[in-house]
Amino acid sequence: MPKIYYATQVAINPVTILMFVNRPELFDDNYRRFVVGRLQEMLPIEEVPVRLLARPNREERTAIGPGKRN
């Protein structure tokens, strides 16, 4: 199950949101489009393109082990 721990805006042109998640491979294109749509509904950015990035959370990276990235 995809889990978002937290997210932060890392750029403004285009709006880029970096999400720290449990397993980035679970965040396929359909799920990312859903999240972007919800962000655009909730924030005053309905017509602004949003770029969404997913990275493993620090605890998830250490659980995977050094040198093994998703």
PDB file of N, CA and C in Angstrom:
ATOM      1  N   MET A   1       0.843  -1.177   0.000  1.00  0.00           N
ATOM      2  CA  MET A   1       0.000   0.000   0.000  1.00  0.00           C
ATOM      3  C   MET A   1       0.890   1.243   0.000  1.00  0.00           C
ATOM      4  N   PRO A   2       0.650   2.180  -0.937  1.00  0.00           N
ATOM      5  CA  PRO A   2       1.440   3.414  -0.976  1.00  0.00           C
ATOM      6  C   PRO A   2       1.203   4.254   0.275  1.00  0.00           C
ATOM      7  N   LYS A   3       2.290   4.790   0.823  1.00  0.00           N
ATOM      8  CA  LYS A   3       2.183   5.615   2.026  1.00  0.00           C
ATOM      9  C   LYS A   3       3.076   6.836   1.859  1.00  0.00           C
ATOM     10  N   ILE A   4       2.498   8.022   2.041  1.00  0.00           N
ATOM     11  CA  ILE A   4       3.253   9.279   1.974  1.00  0.00           C
ATOM     12  C   ILE A   4       3.544   9.697   3.407  1.00  0.00           C
ATOM     13  N   TYR A   5       4.838   9.820   3.744  1.00  0.00           N
ATOM     14  CA  TYR A   5       5.215  10.256   5.086  1.00  0.00           C
ATOM     15  C   TYR A   5       5.123  11.779   5.193  1.00  0.00           C
ATOM     16  N   TYR A   6       5.704  12.473   4.235  1.00  0.00           N
ATOM     17  CA  TYR A   6       5.585  13.922   4.177  1.00  0.00           C
ATOM     18  C   TYR A   6       5.996  14.378   2.793  1.00  0.00           C
ATOM     19  N   ALA A   7       5.697  15.637   2.481  1.00  0.00           N
ATOM     20  CA  ALA A   7       6.011  16.199   1.168  1.00  0.00           C
ATOM     21  C   ALA A   7       6.451  17.637   1.356  1.00  0.00           C
ATOM     22  N   THR A   8       7.259  18.109   0.409  1.00  0.00           N
ATOM     23  CA  THR A   8       7.734  19.487   0.451  1.00  0.00           C
ATOM     24  C   THR A   8       7.856  20.019  -0.971  1.00  0.00           C
ATOM     25  N   GLN A   9       7.642  21.310  -1.125  1.00  0.00           N
ATOM     26  CA  GLN A   9       7.807  21.930  -2.432  1.00  0.00           C
ATOM     27  C   GLN A   9       9.280  22.255  -2.615  1.00  0.00           C
ATOM     28  N   VAL A  10       9.874  21.780  -3.722  1.00  0.00           N
ATOM     29  CA  VAL A  10      11.305  21.976  -3.942  1.00  0.00           C
ATOM     30  C   VAL A  10      11.607  22.915  -5.107  1.00  0.00           C
ATOM     31  N   ALA A  11      10.608  23.287  -5.896  1.00  0.00           N
ATOM     32  CA  ALA A  11      10.816  24.230  -7.007  1.00  0.00           C
ATOM     33  C   ALA A  11       9.491  24.928  -7.305  1.00  0.00           C
ATOM     34  N   ILE A  12       9.600  26.068  -8.013  1.00  0.00           N
ATOM     35  CA  ILE A  12       8.388  26.833  -8.302  1.00  0.00           C
ATOM     36  C   ILE A  12       8.039  26.891  -9.780  1.00  0.00           C
ATOM     37  N   ASN A  13       8.980  26.587 -10.670  1.00  0.00           N
ATOM     38  CA  ASN A  13       8.690  26.690 -12.096  1.00  0.00           C
ATOM     39  C   ASN A  13       9.228  25.484 -12.835  1.00  0.00           C
ATOM     40  N   PRO A  14       8.470  24.434 -13.042  1.00  0.00           N
ATOM     41  CA  PRO A  14       7.100  24.236 -12.601  1.00  0.00           C
ATOM     42  C   PRO A  14       7.055  23.895 -11.111  1.00  0.00           C
ATOM     43  N   VAL A  15       5.865  23.995 -10.536  1.00  0.00           N
ATOM     44  CA  VAL A  15       5.691  23.609  -9.139  1.00  0.00           C
ATOM     45  C   VAL A  15       6.125  22.151  -9.020  1.00  0.00           C
ATOM     46  N   THR A  16       7.100  21.901  -8.151  1.00  0.00           N
ATOM     47  CA  THR A  16       7.624  20.550  -7.977  1.00  0.00           C
ATOM     48  C   THR A  16       7.489  20.152  -6.515  1.00  0.00           C
ATOM     49  N   ILE A  17       6.805  19.041  -6.297  1.00  0.00           N
ATOM     50  CA  ILE A  17       6.569  18.526  -4.960  1.00  0.00           C
ATOM     51  C   ILE A  17       7.368  17.237  -4.810  1.00  0.00           C
ATOM     52  N   LEU A  18       8.179  17.161  -3.756  1.00  0.00           N
ATOM     53  CA  LEU A  18       8.942  15.958  -3.443  1.00  0.00           C
ATOM     54  C   LEU A  18       8.253  15.255  -2.284  1.00  0.00           C
ATOM     55  N   MET A  19       7.820  14.013  -2.544  1.00  0.00           N
ATOM     56  CA  MET A  19       7.160  13.214  -1.509  1.00  0.00           C
ATOM     57  C   MET A  19       8.140  12.179  -0.980  1.00  0.00           C
ATOM     58  N   PHE A  20       8.176  12.019   0.319  1.00  0.00           N
ATOM     59  CA  PHE A  20       8.958  10.951   0.938  1.00  0.00           C
ATOM     60  C   PHE A  20       7.969   9.843   1.273  1.00  0.00           C
ATOM     61  N   VAL A  21       8.192   8.681   0.669  1.00  0.00           N
ATOM     62  CA  VAL A  21       7.205   7.603   0.687  1.00  0.00           C
ATOM     63  C   VAL A  21       7.825   6.296   1.162  1.00  0.00           C
ATOM     64  N   ASN A  22       6.961   5.298   1.398  1.00  0.00           N
ATOM     65  CA  ASN A  22       7.480   4.007   1.830  1.00  0.00           C
ATOM     66  C   ASN A  22       8.155   3.266   0.679  1.00  0.00           C
ATOM     67  N   ARG A  23       7.508   3.159  -0.483  1.00  0.00           N
ATOM     68  CA  ARG A  23       8.078   2.438  -1.619  1.00  0.00           C
ATOM     69  C   ARG A  23       7.731   3.183  -2.902  1.00  0.00           C
ATOM     70  N   PRO A  24       8.679   3.916  -3.486  1.00  0.00           N
ATOM     71  CA  PRO A  24       8.389   4.728  -4.673  1.00  0.00           C
ATOM     72  C   PRO A  24       7.801   3.934  -5.836  1.00  0.00           C
ATOM     73  N   GLU A  25       8.136   2.658  -5.956  1.00  0.00           N
ATOM     74  CA  GLU A  25       7.620   1.876  -7.081  1.00  0.00           C
ATOM     75  C   GLU A  25       6.106   1.677  -7.003  1.00  0.00           C
ATOM     76  N   LEU A  26       5.518   1.891  -5.844  1.00  0.00           N
ATOM     77  CA  LEU A  26       4.067   1.777  -5.700  1.00  0.00           C
ATOM     78  C   LEU A  26       3.338   3.008  -6.248  1.00  0.00           C
ATOM     79  N   PHE A  27       4.055   4.093  -6.486  1.00  0.00           N
ATOM     80  CA  PHE A  27       3.465   5.340  -6.958  1.00  0.00           C
ATOM     81  C   PHE A  27       3.553   5.393  -8.480  1.00  0.00           C
ATOM     82  N   ASP A  28       2.694   4.607  -9.140  1.00  0.00           N
ATOM     83  CA  ASP A  28       2.697   4.568 -10.596  1.00  0.00           C
ATOM     84  C   ASP A  28       2.068   5.846 -11.157  1.00  0.00           C
ATOM     85  N   ASP A  29       2.028   5.958 -12.486  1.00  0.00           N
ATOM     86  CA  ASP A  29       1.531   7.175 -13.131  1.00  0.00           C
ATOM     87  C   ASP A  29       0.083   7.487 -12.753  1.00  0.00           C
ATOM     88  N   ASN A  30      -0.749   6.469 -12.647  1.00  0.00           N
ATOM     89  CA  ASN A  30      -2.149   6.704 -12.282  1.00  0.00           C
ATOM     90  C   ASN A  30      -2.262   7.312 -10.888  1.00  0.00           C
ATOM     91  N   TYR A  31      -1.517   6.779  -9.947  1.00  0.00           N
ATOM     92  CA  TYR A  31      -1.574   7.290  -8.582  1.00  0.00           C
ATOM     93  C   TYR A  31      -1.018   8.714  -8.515  1.00  0.00           C
ATOM     94  N   ARG A  32       0.062   8.979  -9.260  1.00  0.00           N
ATOM     95  CA  ARG A  32       0.631  10.336  -9.278  1.00  0.00           C
ATOM     96  C   ARG A  32      -0.363  11.334  -9.857  1.00  0.00           C
ATOM     97  N   ARG A  33      -1.066  10.945 -10.937  1.00  0.00           N
ATOM     98  CA  ARG A  33      -2.080  11.838 -11.510  1.00  0.00           C
ATOM     99  C   ARG A  33      -3.193  12.111 -10.503  1.00  0.00           C
ATOM    100  N   PHE A  34      -3.579  11.082  -9.748  1.00  0.00           N
ATOM    101  CA  PHE A  34      -4.590  11.262  -8.715  1.00  0.00           C
ATOM    102  C   PHE A  34      -4.123  12.272  -7.666  1.00  0.00           C
ATOM    103  N   VAL A  35      -2.888  12.128  -7.180  1.00  0.00           N
ATOM    104  CA  VAL A  35      -2.352  13.029  -6.154  1.00  0.00           C
ATOM    105  C   VAL A  35      -2.260  14.455  -6.694  1.00  0.00           C
ATOM    106  N   VAL A  36      -1.776  14.613  -7.929  1.00  0.00           N
ATOM    107  CA  VAL A  36      -1.683  15.948  -8.527  1.00  0.00           C
ATOM    108  C   VAL A  36      -3.077  16.559  -8.648  1.00  0.00           C
ATOM    109  N   GLY A  37      -4.049  15.784  -9.075  1.00  0.00           N
ATOM    110  CA  GLY A  37      -5.424  16.286  -9.180  1.00  0.00           C
ATOM    111  C   GLY A  37      -5.965  16.748  -7.844  1.00  0.00           C
ATOM    112  N   ARG A  38      -5.726  15.972  -6.810  1.00  0.00           N
ATOM    113  CA  ARG A  38      -6.192  16.362  -5.467  1.00  0.00           C
ATOM    114  C   ARG A  38      -5.491  17.634  -4.989  1.00  0.00           C
ATOM    115  N   LEU A  39      -4.181  17.741  -5.238  1.00  0.00           N
ATOM    116  CA  LEU A  39      -3.459  18.958  -4.855  1.00  0.00           C
ATOM    117  C   LEU A  39      -4.032  20.167  -5.579  1.00  0.00           C
ATOM    118  N   GLN A  40      -4.311  20.013  -6.866  1.00  0.00           N
ATOM    119  CA  GLN A  40      -4.844  21.133  -7.636  1.00  0.00           C
ATOM    120  C   GLN A  40      -6.235  21.523  -7.160  1.00  0.00           C
ATOM    121  N   GLU A  41      -7.029  20.559  -6.685  1.00  0.00           N
ATOM    122  CA  GLU A  41      -8.355  20.877  -6.141  1.00  0.00           C
ATOM    123  C   GLU A  41      -8.252  21.597  -4.798  1.00  0.00           C
ATOM    124  N   MET A  42      -7.326  21.149  -3.954  1.00  0.00           N
ATOM    125  CA  MET A  42      -7.228  21.666  -2.587  1.00  0.00           C
ATOM    126  C   MET A  42      -6.499  23.001  -2.500  1.00  0.00           C
ATOM    127  N   LEU A  43      -5.574  23.242  -3.417  1.00  0.00           N
ATOM    128  CA  LEU A  43      -4.776  24.465  -3.397  1.00  0.00           C
ATOM    129  C   LEU A  43      -5.214  25.376  -4.538  1.00  0.00           C
ATOM    130  N   PRO A  44      -4.876  26.648  -4.465  1.00  0.00           N
ATOM    131  CA  PRO A  44      -5.277  27.565  -5.547  1.00  0.00           C
ATOM    132  C   PRO A  44      -4.344  27.449  -6.764  1.00  0.00           C
ATOM    133  N   ILE A  45      -4.158  26.228  -7.258  1.00  0.00           N
ATOM    134  CA  ILE A  45      -3.235  26.009  -8.389  1.00  0.00           C
ATOM    135  C   ILE A  45      -3.878  25.120  -9.452  1.00  0.00           C
ATOM    136  N   GLU A  46      -5.173  25.274  -9.674  1.00  0.00           N
ATOM    137  CA  GLU A  46      -5.891  24.378 -10.576  1.00  0.00           C
ATOM    138  C   GLU A  46      -5.323  24.343 -11.989  1.00  0.00           C
ATOM    139  N   GLU A  47      -4.837  25.468 -12.488  1.00  0.00           N
ATOM    140  CA  GLU A  47      -4.359  25.514 -13.871  1.00  0.00           C
ATOM    141  C   GLU A  47      -2.839  25.529 -13.970  1.00  0.00           C
ATOM    142  N   VAL A  48      -2.166  25.286 -12.880  1.00  0.00           N
ATOM    143  CA  VAL A  48      -0.704  25.298 -12.851  1.00  0.00           C
ATOM    144  C   VAL A  48      -0.190  23.866 -12.970  1.00  0.00           C
ATOM    145  N   PRO A  49       0.775  23.606 -13.868  1.00  0.00           N
ATOM    146  CA  PRO A  49       1.326  22.255 -13.938  1.00  0.00           C
ATOM    147  C   PRO A  49       2.100  21.916 -12.670  1.00  0.00           C
ATOM    148  N   VAL A  50       1.946  20.675 -12.224  1.00  0.00           N
ATOM    149  CA  VAL A  50       2.602  20.212 -11.008  1.00  0.00           C
ATOM    150  C   VAL A  50       3.452  18.999 -11.353  1.00  0.00           C
ATOM    151  N   ARG A  51       4.691  19.026 -10.925  1.00  0.00           N
ATOM    152  CA  ARG A  51       5.601  17.894 -11.096  1.00  0.00           C
ATOM    153  C   ARG A  51       5.705  17.199  -9.742  1.00  0.00           C
ATOM    154  N   LEU A  52       5.542  15.890  -9.739  1.00  0.00           N
ATOM    155  CA  LEU A  52       5.512  15.139  -8.495  1.00  0.00           C
ATOM    156  C   LEU A  52       6.647  14.116  -8.499  1.00  0.00           C
ATOM    157  N   LEU A  53       7.484  14.166  -7.468  1.00  0.00           N
ATOM    158  CA  LEU A  53       8.596  13.230  -7.326  1.00  0.00           C
ATOM    159  C   LEU A  53       8.377  12.386  -6.078  1.00  0.00           C
ATOM    160  N   ALA A  54       8.812  11.126  -6.130  1.00  0.00           N
ATOM    161  CA  ALA A  54       8.683  10.236  -4.975  1.00  0.00           C
ATOM    162  C   ALA A  54      10.045   9.661  -4.641  1.00  0.00           C
ATOM    163  N   ARG A  55      10.440   9.801  -3.404  1.00  0.00           N
ATOM    164  CA  ARG A  55      11.711   9.256  -2.906  1.00  0.00           C
ATOM    165  C   ARG A  55      11.432   8.416  -1.671  1.00  0.00           C
ATOM    166  N   PRO A  56      12.247   7.383  -1.443  1.00  0.00           N
ATOM    167  CA  PRO A  56      12.037   6.593  -0.224  1.00  0.00           C
ATOM    168  C   PRO A  56      12.373   7.420   1.012  1.00  0.00           C
ATOM    169  N   ASN A  57      11.618   7.220   2.062  1.00  0.00           N
ATOM    170  CA  ASN A  57      11.880   7.865   3.337  1.00  0.00           C
ATOM    171  C   ASN A  57      13.201   7.334   3.896  1.00  0.00           C
ATOM    172  N   ARG A  58      13.869   8.088   4.725  1.00  0.00           N
ATOM    173  CA  ARG A  58      15.171   7.686   5.265  1.00  0.00           C
ATOM    174  C   ARG A  58      15.110   6.306   5.926  1.00  0.00           C
ATOM    175  N   GLU A  59      14.078   6.057   6.734  1.00  0.00           N
ATOM    176  CA  GLU A  59      13.947   4.763   7.400  1.00  0.00           C
ATOM    177  C   GLU A  59      13.776   3.637   6.386  1.00  0.00           C
ATOM    178  N   GLU A  60      13.068   3.912   5.306  1.00  0.00           N
ATOM    179  CA  GLU A  60      12.862   2.902   4.269  1.00  0.00           C
ATOM    180  C   GLU A  60      14.174   2.611   3.546  1.00  0.00           C
ATOM    181  N   ARG A  61      14.996   3.639   3.326  1.00  0.00           N
ATOM    182  CA  ARG A  61      16.287   3.419   2.651  1.00  0.00           C
ATOM    183  C   ARG A  61      17.178   2.537   3.493  1.00  0.00           C
ATOM    184  N   THR A  62      17.225   2.757   4.807  1.00  0.00           N
ATOM    185  CA  THR A  62      18.082   1.937   5.646  1.00  0.00           C
ATOM    186  C   THR A  62      17.553   0.519   5.752  1.00  0.00           C
ATOM    187  N   ALA A  63      16.231   0.344   5.664  1.00  0.00           N
ATOM    188  CA  ALA A  63      15.668  -1.002   5.709  1.00  0.00           C
ATOM    189  C   ALA A  63      16.004  -1.786   4.446  1.00  0.00           C
ATOM    190  N   ILE A  64      16.138  -1.076   3.327  1.00  0.00           N
ATOM    191  CA  ILE A  64      16.494  -1.718   2.064  1.00  0.00           C
ATOM    192  C   ILE A  64      17.955  -2.141   2.081  1.00  0.00           C
ATOM    193  N   GLY A  65      18.784  -1.325   2.699  1.00  0.00           N
ATOM    194  CA  GLY A  65      20.211  -1.641   2.784  1.00  0.00           C
ATOM    195  C   GLY A  65      21.037  -0.681   1.935  1.00  0.00           C
ATOM    196  N   PRO A  66      22.314  -0.537   2.265  1.00  0.00           N
ATOM    197  CA  PRO A  66      23.150   0.406   1.524  1.00  0.00           C
ATOM    198  C   PRO A  66      23.386  -0.079   0.086  1.00  0.00           C
ATOM    199  N   GLY A  67      23.380   0.883  -0.826  1.00  0.00           N
ATOM    200  CA  GLY A  67      23.680   0.574  -2.215  1.00  0.00           C
ATOM    201  C   GLY A  67      22.522  -0.006  -2.995  1.00  0.00           C
ATOM    202  N   LYS A  68      21.400  -0.251  -2.367  1.00  0.00           N
ATOM    203  CA  LYS A  68      20.235  -0.817  -3.060  1.00  0.00           C
ATOM    204  C   LYS A  68      19.159   0.246  -3.081  1.00  0.00           C
ATOM    205  N   ARG A  69      19.013   0.901  -4.225  1.00  0.00           N
ATOM    206  CA  ARG A  69      18.042   1.978  -4.339  1.00  0.00           C
ATOM    207  C   ARG A  69      16.867   1.545  -5.190  1.00  0.00           C
ATOM    208  N   ASN A  70      15.724   2.116  -4.905  1.00  0.00           N
ATOM    209  CA  ASN A  70      14.519   1.845  -5.710  1.00  0.00           C
ATOM    210  C   ASN A  70      14.333   2.905  -6.724  1.00  0.00           C
TER     211      ASN A  70
END
